[in-house]
PDB file of all heavy atoms in Angstrom:
ATOM      1  N   GLY A   1    -265.734 -41.509 -36.482  1.00  0.00           N
ATOM      2  CA  GLY A   1    -265.208 -40.152 -36.435  1.00  0.00           C
ATOM      3  C   GLY A   1    -263.688 -40.243 -36.452  1.00  0.00           C
ATOM      4  O   GLY A   1    -263.073 -41.131 -35.859  1.00  0.00           O
ATOM      5  N   SER A   2    -263.042 -39.313 -37.182  1.00  0.00           N
ATOM      6  CA  SER A   2    -261.595 -39.360 -37.358  1.00  0.00           C
ATOM      7  C   SER A   2    -260.995 -37.968 -37.301  1.00  0.00           C
ATOM      8  O   SER A   2    -261.640 -36.960 -37.582  1.00  0.00           O
ATOM      9  CB  SER A   2    -261.234 -39.991 -38.753  1.00  0.00           C
ATOM     10  OG  SER A   2    -261.776 -41.267 -38.838  1.00  0.00           O
ATOM     11  N   MET A   3    -259.684 -37.939 -36.966  1.00  0.00           N
ATOM     12  CA  MET A   3    -258.874 -36.714 -37.075  1.00  0.00           C
ATOM     13  C   MET A   3    -257.928 -36.864 -38.215  1.00  0.00           C
ATOM     14  O   MET A   3    -257.134 -37.824 -38.200  1.00  0.00           O
ATOM     15  CB  MET A   3    -258.116 -36.479 -35.788  1.00  0.00           C
ATOM     16  CG  MET A   3    -257.221 -35.221 -35.839  1.00  0.00           C
ATOM     17  SD  MET A   3    -258.168 -33.662 -36.066  1.00  0.00           S
ATOM     18  CE  MET A   3    -258.961 -33.559 -34.470  1.00  0.00           C
ATOM     19  N   LEU A   4    -258.019 -35.993 -39.219  1.00  0.00           N
ATOM     20  CA  LEU A   4    -257.144 -36.030 -40.383  1.00  0.00           C
ATOM     21  C   LEU A   4    -255.990 -35.103 -40.166  1.00  0.00           C
ATOM     22  O   LEU A   4    -256.112 -33.944 -39.806  1.00  0.00           O
ATOM     23  CB  LEU A   4    -257.968 -35.560 -41.621  1.00  0.00           C
ATOM     24  CG  LEU A   4    -259.323 -36.202 -41.840  1.00  0.00           C
ATOM     25  CD1 LEU A   4    -260.026 -35.558 -43.002  1.00  0.00           C
ATOM     26  CD2 LEU A   4    -259.173 -37.693 -42.085  1.00  0.00           C
ATOM     27  N   MET A   5    -254.765 -35.665 -40.395  1.00  0.00           N
ATOM     28  CA  MET A   5    -253.511 -34.941 -40.090  1.00  0.00           C
ATOM     29  C   MET A   5    -252.533 -34.965 -41.237  1.00  0.00           C
ATOM     30  O   MET A   5    -251.670 -35.815 -41.301  1.00  0.00           O
ATOM     31  CB  MET A   5    -252.891 -35.553 -38.815  1.00  0.00           C
ATOM     32  CG  MET A   5    -253.816 -35.473 -37.560  1.00  0.00           C
ATOM     33  SD  MET A   5    -253.072 -36.253 -36.128  1.00  0.00           S
ATOM     34  CE  MET A   5    -253.147 -38.002 -36.588  1.00  0.00           C
ATOM     35  N   PRO A   6    -252.710 -34.061 -42.188  1.00  0.00           N
ATOM     36  CA  PRO A   6    -251.638 -33.936 -43.237  1.00  0.00           C
ATOM     37  C   PRO A   6    -250.380 -33.398 -42.605  1.00  0.00           C
ATOM     38  O   PRO A   6    -250.402 -32.631 -41.652  1.00  0.00           O
ATOM     39  CB  PRO A   6    -252.257 -32.857 -44.203  1.00  0.00           C
ATOM     40  CG  PRO A   6    -253.667 -32.822 -43.912  1.00  0.00           C
ATOM     41  CD  PRO A   6    -253.843 -33.169 -42.451  1.00  0.00           C
ATOM     42  N   MET A   7    -249.230 -33.906 -43.124  1.00  0.00           N
ATOM     43  CA  MET A   7    -247.909 -33.486 -42.551  1.00  0.00           C
ATOM     44  C   MET A   7    -247.035 -33.009 -43.711  1.00  0.00           C
ATOM     45  O   MET A   7    -246.885 -33.687 -44.691  1.00  0.00           O
ATOM     46  CB  MET A   7    -247.246 -34.721 -41.877  1.00  0.00           C
ATOM     47  CG  MET A   7    -248.097 -35.281 -40.739  1.00  0.00           C
ATOM     48  SD  MET A   7    -247.328 -36.704 -39.989  1.00  0.00           S
ATOM     49  CE  MET A   7    -248.626 -37.149 -38.818  1.00  0.00           C
ATOM     50  N   VAL A   8    -246.470 -31.803 -43.517  1.00  0.00           N
ATOM     51  CA  VAL A   8    -245.686 -31.129 -44.506  1.00  0.00           C
ATOM     52  C   VAL A   8    -244.315 -30.761 -43.980  1.00  0.00           C
ATOM     53  O   VAL A   8    -244.168 -30.221 -42.915  1.00  0.00           O
ATOM     54  CB  VAL A   8    -246.379 -29.848 -45.003  1.00  0.00           C
ATOM     55  CG1 VAL A   8    -245.584 -29.234 -46.184  1.00  0.00           C
ATOM     56  CG2 VAL A   8    -247.783 -30.154 -45.425  1.00  0.00           C
ATOM     57  N   TRP A   9    -243.275 -31.122 -44.755  1.00  0.00           N
ATOM     58  CA  TRP A   9    -241.915 -30.715 -44.348  1.00  0.00           C
ATOM     59  C   TRP A   9    -241.341 -29.661 -45.284  1.00  0.00           C
ATOM     60  O   TRP A   9    -240.485 -28.929 -44.897  1.00  0.00           O
ATOM     61  CB  TRP A   9    -240.997 -31.952 -44.404  1.00  0.00           C
ATOM     62  CG  TRP A   9    -241.371 -32.968 -43.319  1.00  0.00           C
ATOM     63  CD1 TRP A   9    -241.084 -32.856 -41.999  1.00  0.00           C
ATOM     64  CD2 TRP A   9    -242.135 -34.132 -43.430  1.00  0.00           C
ATOM     65  NE1 TRP A   9    -241.589 -33.893 -41.279  1.00  0.00           N
ATOM     66  CE2 TRP A   9    -242.251 -34.751 -42.154  1.00  0.00           C
ATOM     67  CE3 TRP A   9    -242.746 -34.790 -44.525  1.00  0.00           C
ATOM     68  CZ2 TRP A   9    -242.967 -35.947 -41.948  1.00  0.00           C
ATOM     69  CZ3 TRP A   9    -243.438 -35.978 -44.326  1.00  0.00           C
ATOM     70  CH2 TRP A   9    -243.498 -36.488 -43.052  1.00  0.00           C
ATOM     71  N   THR A  10    -241.812 -29.620 -46.562  1.00  0.00           N
ATOM     72  CA  THR A  10    -241.159 -28.678 -47.496  1.00  0.00           C
ATOM     73  C   THR A  10    -242.112 -27.564 -47.985  1.00  0.00           C
ATOM     74  O   THR A  10    -241.613 -26.576 -48.489  1.00  0.00           O
ATOM     75  CB  THR A  10    -240.685 -29.451 -48.773  1.00  0.00           C
ATOM     76  OG1 THR A  10    -241.768 -30.094 -49.357  1.00  0.00           O
ATOM     77  CG2 THR A  10    -239.634 -30.515 -48.342  1.00  0.00           C
ATOM     78  N   GLY A  11    -243.399 -27.739 -47.844  1.00  0.00           N
ATOM     79  CA  GLY A  11    -244.264 -26.695 -48.395  1.00  0.00           C
ATOM     80  C   GLY A  11    -245.714 -27.046 -48.237  1.00  0.00           C
ATOM     81  O   GLY A  11    -246.078 -28.127 -47.790  1.00  0.00           O
ATOM     82  N   VAL A  12    -246.572 -26.145 -48.571  1.00  0.00           N
ATOM     83  CA  VAL A  12    -248.006 -26.366 -48.492  1.00  0.00           C
ATOM     84  C   VAL A  12    -248.624 -25.982 -49.864  1.00  0.00           C
ATOM     85  O   VAL A  12    -248.114 -25.062 -50.515  1.00  0.00           O
ATOM     86  CB  VAL A  12    -248.660 -25.570 -47.363  1.00  0.00           C
ATOM     87  CG1 VAL A  12    -248.614 -24.074 -47.619  1.00  0.00           C
ATOM     88  CG2 VAL A  12    -250.111 -25.990 -47.139  1.00  0.00           C
ATOM     89  N   GLY A  13    -249.639 -26.641 -50.225  1.00  0.00           N
ATOM     90  CA  GLY A  13    -250.302 -26.364 -51.524  1.00  0.00           C
ATOM     91  C   GLY A  13    -250.904 -25.021 -51.578  1.00  0.00           C
ATOM     92  O   GLY A  13    -251.080 -24.354 -50.525  1.00  0.00           O
ATOM     93  N   PHE A  14    -251.176 -24.562 -52.768  1.00  0.00           N
ATOM     94  CA  PHE A  14    -251.864 -23.288 -53.033  1.00  0.00           C
ATOM     95  C   PHE A  14    -250.945 -22.109 -52.968  1.00  0.00           C
ATOM     96  O   PHE A  14    -251.149 -21.135 -53.628  1.00  0.00           O
ATOM     97  CB  PHE A  14    -253.093 -23.044 -52.106  1.00  0.00           C
ATOM     98  CG  PHE A  14    -253.945 -24.238 -51.937  1.00  0.00           C
ATOM     99  CD1 PHE A  14    -254.435 -24.616 -50.694  1.00  0.00           C
ATOM    100  CD2 PHE A  14    -254.258 -25.092 -52.984  1.00  0.00           C
ATOM    101  CE1 PHE A  14    -255.208 -25.745 -50.496  1.00  0.00           C
ATOM    102  CE2 PHE A  14    -255.033 -26.195 -52.826  1.00  0.00           C
ATOM    103  CZ  PHE A  14    -255.484 -26.499 -51.617  1.00  0.00           C
ATOM    104  N   GLY A  15    -249.924 -22.114 -52.184  1.00  0.00           N
ATOM    105  CA  GLY A  15    -248.887 -21.064 -52.179  1.00  0.00           C
ATOM    106  C   GLY A  15    -249.495 -19.682 -52.107  1.00  0.00           C
ATOM    107  O   GLY A  15    -249.311 -18.816 -52.950  1.00  0.00           O
ATOM    108  N   CYS A  16    -250.245 -19.380 -51.023  1.00  0.00           N
ATOM    109  CA  CYS A  16    -250.862 -18.069 -50.867  1.00  0.00           C
ATOM    110  C   CYS A  16    -249.828 -17.063 -50.338  1.00  0.00           C
ATOM    111  O   CYS A  16    -249.008 -17.418 -49.501  1.00  0.00           O
ATOM    112  CB  CYS A  16    -252.041 -18.175 -49.907  1.00  0.00           C
ATOM    113  SG  CYS A  16    -253.335 -19.288 -50.545  1.00  0.00           S
ATOM    114  N   GLY A  17    -249.935 -15.850 -50.813  1.00  0.00           N
ATOM    115  CA  GLY A  17    -248.982 -14.780 -50.341  1.00  0.00           C
ATOM    116  C   GLY A  17    -249.448 -13.423 -50.680  1.00  0.00           C
ATOM    117  O   GLY A  17    -250.580 -13.227 -51.183  1.00  0.00           O
ATOM    118  N   ILE A  18    -248.635 -12.438 -50.399  1.00  0.00           N
ATOM    119  CA  ILE A  18    -248.965 -11.034 -50.632  1.00  0.00           C
ATOM    120  C   ILE A  18    -247.979 -10.523 -51.688  1.00  0.00           C
ATOM    121  O   ILE A  18    -246.767 -10.607 -51.594  1.00  0.00           O
ATOM    122  CB  ILE A  18    -248.839 -10.196 -49.365  1.00  0.00           C
ATOM    123  CG1 ILE A  18    -249.730 -10.740 -48.274  1.00  0.00           C
ATOM    124  CG2 ILE A  18    -249.132  -8.767 -49.633  1.00  0.00           C
ATOM    125  CD1 ILE A  18    -249.550 -10.120 -46.957  1.00  0.00           C
ATOM    126  N   GLY A  19    -248.542  -9.876 -52.741  1.00  0.00           N
ATOM    127  CA  GLY A  19    -247.712  -9.248 -53.782  1.00  0.00           C
ATOM    128  C   GLY A  19    -248.030  -7.811 -53.931  1.00  0.00           C
ATOM    129  O   GLY A  19    -248.705  -7.176 -53.092  1.00  0.00           O
ATOM    130  N   THR A  20    -247.435  -7.210 -54.947  1.00  0.00           N
ATOM    131  CA  THR A  20    -247.633  -5.750 -55.113  1.00  0.00           C
ATOM    132  C   THR A  20    -249.085  -5.410 -55.428  1.00  0.00           C
ATOM    133  O   THR A  20    -249.521  -4.276 -55.133  1.00  0.00           O
ATOM    134  CB  THR A  20    -246.713  -5.234 -56.275  1.00  0.00           C
ATOM    135  OG1 THR A  20    -247.047  -5.970 -57.500  1.00  0.00           O
ATOM    136  CG2 THR A  20    -245.239  -5.413 -55.904  1.00  0.00           C
ATOM    137  N   GLY A  21    -249.838  -6.358 -55.949  1.00  0.00           N
ATOM    138  CA  GLY A  21    -251.253  -6.073 -56.319  1.00  0.00           C
ATOM    139  C   GLY A  21    -252.204  -6.504 -55.230  1.00  0.00           C
ATOM    140  O   GLY A  21    -253.388  -6.536 -55.452  1.00  0.00           O
ATOM    141  N   GLY A  22    -251.680  -6.920 -54.035  1.00  0.00           N
ATOM    142  CA  GLY A  22    -252.563  -7.364 -52.977  1.00  0.00           C
ATOM    143  C   GLY A  22    -252.331  -8.847 -52.694  1.00  0.00           C
ATOM    144  O   GLY A  22    -251.362  -9.453 -53.202  1.00  0.00           O
ATOM    145  N   SER A  23    -253.202  -9.461 -51.919  1.00  0.00           N
ATOM    146  CA  SER A  23    -253.069 -10.836 -51.570  1.00  0.00           C
ATOM    147  C   SER A  23    -253.554 -11.786 -52.675  1.00  0.00           C
ATOM    148  O   SER A  23    -254.393 -11.387 -53.466  1.00  0.00           O
ATOM    149  CB  SER A  23    -253.845 -11.129 -50.255  1.00  0.00           C
ATOM    150  OG  SER A  23    -255.239 -10.923 -50.480  1.00  0.00           O
ATOM    151  N   GLY A  24    -253.001 -12.952 -52.708  1.00  0.00           N
ATOM    152  CA  GLY A  24    -253.398 -13.910 -53.726  1.00  0.00           C
ATOM    153  C   GLY A  24    -252.706 -15.245 -53.464  1.00  0.00           C
ATOM    154  O   GLY A  24    -252.098 -15.427 -52.467  1.00  0.00           O
ATOM    155  N   CYS A  25    -252.885 -16.161 -54.448  1.00  0.00           N
ATOM    156  CA  CYS A  25    -252.348 -17.514 -54.316  1.00  0.00           C
ATOM    157  C   CYS A  25    -251.564 -17.859 -55.553  1.00  0.00           C
ATOM    158  O   CYS A  25    -252.062 -17.706 -56.657  1.00  0.00           O
ATOM    159  CB  CYS A  25    -253.460 -18.548 -54.031  1.00  0.00           C
ATOM    160  SG  CYS A  25    -254.331 -18.295 -52.469  1.00  0.00           S
ATOM    161  N   GLY A  26    -250.310 -18.328 -55.367  1.00  0.00           N
ATOM    162  CA  GLY A  26    -249.566 -18.639 -56.558  1.00  0.00           C
ATOM    163  C   GLY A  26    -248.375 -19.544 -56.379  1.00  0.00           C
ATOM    164  O   GLY A  26    -247.568 -19.692 -57.259  1.00  0.00           O
ATOM    165  N   GLY A  27    -248.185 -20.189 -55.246  1.00  0.00           N
ATOM    166  CA  GLY A  27    -247.176 -21.162 -55.082  1.00  0.00           C
ATOM    167  C   GLY A  27    -245.861 -20.689 -54.444  1.00  0.00           C
ATOM    168  O   GLY A  27    -244.792 -21.317 -54.678  1.00  0.00           O
ATOM    169  N   SER A  28    -245.883 -19.590 -53.693  1.00  0.00           N
ATOM    170  CA  SER A  28    -244.634 -19.008 -53.228  1.00  0.00           C
ATOM    171  C   SER A  28    -244.411 -19.167 -51.711  1.00  0.00           C
ATOM    172  O   SER A  28    -243.341 -18.815 -51.234  1.00  0.00           O
ATOM    173  CB  SER A  28    -244.575 -17.531 -53.573  1.00  0.00           C
ATOM    174  OG  SER A  28    -245.636 -16.840 -52.960  1.00  0.00           O
ATOM    175  N   VAL A  29    -245.377 -19.658 -50.987  1.00  0.00           N
ATOM    176  CA  VAL A  29    -245.229 -19.682 -49.529  1.00  0.00           C
ATOM    177  C   VAL A  29    -245.043 -21.126 -49.049  1.00  0.00           C
ATOM    178  O   VAL A  29    -245.697 -22.027 -49.559  1.00  0.00           O
ATOM    179  CB  VAL A  29    -246.536 -19.084 -48.893  1.00  0.00           C
ATOM    180  CG1 VAL A  29    -246.443 -19.250 -47.356  1.00  0.00           C
ATOM    181  CG2 VAL A  29    -246.649 -17.632 -49.218  1.00  0.00           C
ATOM    182  N   TYR A  30    -244.140 -21.329 -48.099  1.00  0.00           N
ATOM    183  CA  TYR A  30    -243.847 -22.639 -47.580  1.00  0.00           C
ATOM    184  C   TYR A  30    -244.039 -22.649 -46.078  1.00  0.00           C
ATOM    185  O   TYR A  30    -243.802 -21.667 -45.416  1.00  0.00           O
ATOM    186  CB  TYR A  30    -242.450 -23.099 -47.966  1.00  0.00           C
ATOM    187  CG  TYR A  30    -242.287 -23.314 -49.423  1.00  0.00           C
ATOM    188  CD1 TYR A  30    -241.962 -22.277 -50.291  1.00  0.00           C
ATOM    189  CD2 TYR A  30    -242.477 -24.591 -50.000  1.00  0.00           C
ATOM    190  CE1 TYR A  30    -241.855 -22.463 -51.670  1.00  0.00           C
ATOM    191  CE2 TYR A  30    -242.386 -24.767 -51.347  1.00  0.00           C
ATOM    192  CZ  TYR A  30    -242.099 -23.686 -52.187  1.00  0.00           C
ATOM    193  OH  TYR A  30    -242.017 -23.912 -53.502  1.00  0.00           O
ATOM    194  N   THR A  31    -244.381 -23.808 -45.567  1.00  0.00           N
ATOM    195  CA  THR A  31    -244.669 -23.881 -44.123  1.00  0.00           C
ATOM    196  C   THR A  31    -244.537 -25.314 -43.625  1.00  0.00           C
ATOM    197  O   THR A  31    -244.567 -26.265 -44.395  1.00  0.00           O
ATOM    198  CB  THR A  31    -246.117 -23.419 -43.849  1.00  0.00           C
ATOM    199  OG1 THR A  31    -246.356 -23.524 -42.409  1.00  0.00           O
ATOM    200  CG2 THR A  31    -247.092 -24.236 -44.592  1.00  0.00           C
ATOM    201  N   ARG A  32    -244.324 -25.460 -42.307  1.00  0.00           N
ATOM    202  CA  ARG A  32    -244.317 -26.789 -41.733  1.00  0.00           C
ATOM    203  C   ARG A  32    -245.665 -27.080 -40.982  1.00  0.00           C
ATOM    204  O   ARG A  32    -245.883 -28.167 -40.524  1.00  0.00           O
ATOM    205  CB  ARG A  32    -243.220 -26.862 -40.628  1.00  0.00           C
ATOM    206  CG  ARG A  32    -241.819 -26.927 -41.274  1.00  0.00           C
ATOM    207  CD  ARG A  32    -240.799 -26.961 -40.136  1.00  0.00           C
ATOM    208  NE  ARG A  32    -239.434 -27.028 -40.682  1.00  0.00           N
ATOM    209  CZ  ARG A  32    -238.821 -28.177 -40.924  1.00  0.00           C
ATOM    210  NH1 ARG A  32    -239.399 -29.321 -40.655  1.00  0.00           N
ATOM    211  NH2 ARG A  32    -237.568 -28.187 -41.422  1.00  0.00           N
ATOM    212  N   ILE A  33    -246.551 -26.093 -40.928  1.00  0.00           N
ATOM    213  CA  ILE A  33    -247.830 -26.286 -40.182  1.00  0.00           C
ATOM    214  C   ILE A  33    -248.895 -26.753 -41.179  1.00  0.00           C
ATOM    215  O   ILE A  33    -248.907 -26.289 -42.315  1.00  0.00           O
ATOM    216  CB  ILE A  33    -248.276 -24.978 -39.527  1.00  0.00           C
ATOM    217  CG1 ILE A  33    -247.128 -24.443 -38.646  1.00  0.00           C
ATOM    218  CG2 ILE A  33    -249.533 -25.212 -38.724  1.00  0.00           C
ATOM    219  CD1 ILE A  33    -246.669 -25.359 -37.545  1.00  0.00           C
ATOM    220  N   THR A  34    -249.742 -27.652 -40.750  1.00  0.00           N
ATOM    221  CA  THR A  34    -250.751 -28.235 -41.640  1.00  0.00           C
ATOM    222  C   THR A  34    -252.130 -28.100 -41.136  1.00  0.00           C
ATOM    223  O   THR A  34    -252.364 -27.877 -39.940  1.00  0.00           O
ATOM    224  CB  THR A  34    -250.434 -29.766 -41.810  1.00  0.00           C
ATOM    225  OG1 THR A  34    -250.512 -30.357 -40.499  1.00  0.00           O
ATOM    226  CG2 THR A  34    -249.088 -29.997 -42.399  1.00  0.00           C
ATOM    227  N   PRO A  35    -253.166 -28.175 -42.014  1.00  0.00           N
ATOM    228  CA  PRO A  35    -254.554 -28.074 -41.518  1.00  0.00           C
ATOM    229  C   PRO A  35    -255.061 -29.403 -40.956  1.00  0.00           C
ATOM    230  O   PRO A  35    -255.249 -30.364 -41.661  1.00  0.00           O
ATOM    231  CB  PRO A  35    -255.319 -27.737 -42.835  1.00  0.00           C
ATOM    232  CG  PRO A  35    -254.484 -28.326 -43.900  1.00  0.00           C
ATOM    233  CD  PRO A  35    -253.040 -28.288 -43.442  1.00  0.00           C
ATOM    234  N   PHE A  36    -255.275 -29.424 -39.657  1.00  0.00           N
ATOM    235  CA  PHE A  36    -255.918 -30.606 -39.002  1.00  0.00           C
ATOM    236  C   PHE A  36    -257.430 -30.430 -39.162  1.00  0.00           C
ATOM    237  O   PHE A  36    -257.978 -29.339 -38.935  1.00  0.00           O
ATOM    238  CB  PHE A  36    -255.578 -30.623 -37.519  1.00  0.00           C
ATOM    239  CG  PHE A  36    -254.125 -30.953 -37.266  1.00  0.00           C
ATOM    240  CD1 PHE A  36    -253.151 -30.023 -37.373  1.00  0.00           C
ATOM    241  CD2 PHE A  36    -253.781 -32.266 -36.924  1.00  0.00           C
ATOM    242  CE1 PHE A  36    -251.820 -30.367 -37.129  1.00  0.00           C
ATOM    243  CE2 PHE A  36    -252.467 -32.619 -36.683  1.00  0.00           C
ATOM    244  CZ  PHE A  36    -251.478 -31.647 -36.796  1.00  0.00           C
ATOM    245  N   GLN A  37    -258.104 -31.541 -39.555  1.00  0.00           N
ATOM    246  CA  GLN A  37    -259.520 -31.497 -39.757  1.00  0.00           C
ATOM    247  C   GLN A  37    -260.174 -32.758 -39.135  1.00  0.00           C
ATOM    248  O   GLN A  37    -259.618 -33.876 -39.174  1.00  0.00           O
ATOM    249  CB  GLN A  37    -259.900 -31.491 -41.248  1.00  0.00           C
ATOM    250  CG  GLN A  37    -259.549 -30.231 -41.936  1.00  0.00           C
ATOM    251  CD  GLN A  37    -259.931 -30.274 -43.388  1.00  0.00           C
ATOM    252  OE1 GLN A  37    -259.129 -30.701 -44.267  1.00  0.00           O
ATOM    253  NE2 GLN A  37    -261.142 -29.818 -43.720  1.00  0.00           N
ATOM    254  N   GLY A  38    -261.364 -32.569 -38.583  1.00  0.00           N
ATOM    255  CA  GLY A  38    -262.148 -33.718 -38.108  1.00  0.00           C
ATOM    256  C   GLY A  38    -263.204 -34.105 -39.175  1.00  0.00           C
ATOM    257  O   GLY A  38    -263.531 -33.280 -40.010  1.00  0.00           O
ATOM    258  N   GLU A  39    -263.605 -35.357 -39.101  1.00  0.00           N
ATOM    259  CA  GLU A  39    -264.628 -35.812 -40.052  1.00  0.00           C
ATOM    260  C   GLU A  39    -265.467 -36.904 -39.354  1.00  0.00           C
ATOM    261  O   GLU A  39    -265.004 -37.641 -38.484  1.00  0.00           O
ATOM    262  CB  GLU A  39    -264.055 -36.386 -41.332  1.00  0.00           C
ATOM    263  CG  GLU A  39    -263.352 -37.710 -41.238  1.00  0.00           C
ATOM    264  CD  GLU A  39    -264.230 -38.893 -41.440  1.00  0.00           C
ATOM    265  OE1 GLU A  39    -265.363 -38.729 -41.979  1.00  0.00           O
ATOM    266  OE2 GLU A  39    -263.822 -40.033 -41.025  1.00  0.00           O
ATOM    267  N   PHE A  40    -266.769 -36.887 -39.753  1.00  0.00           N
ATOM    268  CA  PHE A  40    -267.710 -37.860 -39.188  1.00  0.00           C
ATOM    269  C   PHE A  40    -268.430 -38.519 -40.426  1.00  0.00           C
ATOM    270  O   PHE A  40    -268.841 -37.821 -41.312  1.00  0.00           O
ATOM    271  CB  PHE A  40    -268.719 -37.221 -38.314  1.00  0.00           C
ATOM    272  CG  PHE A  40    -268.092 -36.573 -37.075  1.00  0.00           C
ATOM    273  CD1 PHE A  40    -267.745 -35.265 -37.128  1.00  0.00           C
ATOM    274  CD2 PHE A  40    -267.813 -37.309 -35.969  1.00  0.00           C
ATOM    275  CE1 PHE A  40    -267.137 -34.624 -36.012  1.00  0.00           C
ATOM    276  CE2 PHE A  40    -267.221 -36.728 -34.849  1.00  0.00           C
ATOM    277  CZ  PHE A  40    -266.901 -35.359 -34.869  1.00  0.00           C
ATOM    278  N   SER A  41    -268.557 -39.871 -40.352  1.00  0.00           N
ATOM    279  CA  SER A  41    -269.146 -40.499 -41.554  1.00  0.00           C
ATOM    280  C   SER A  41    -269.850 -41.806 -41.122  1.00  0.00           C
ATOM    281  O   SER A  41    -269.632 -42.299 -40.020  1.00  0.00           O
ATOM    282  CB  SER A  41    -268.062 -40.835 -42.586  1.00  0.00           C
ATOM    283  OG  SER A  41    -267.066 -41.651 -42.037  1.00  0.00           O
TER     284      SER A  41
END
């Protein structure tokens, strides 16, 4: 069992955000917080 910890200093993939046509994904949002995930194998 493991804890997976991606670390980001400049941005996060997928770039999800809100535009004039509603929410979507396009590469415009940056963050320092990452998705922690557990795995069992």
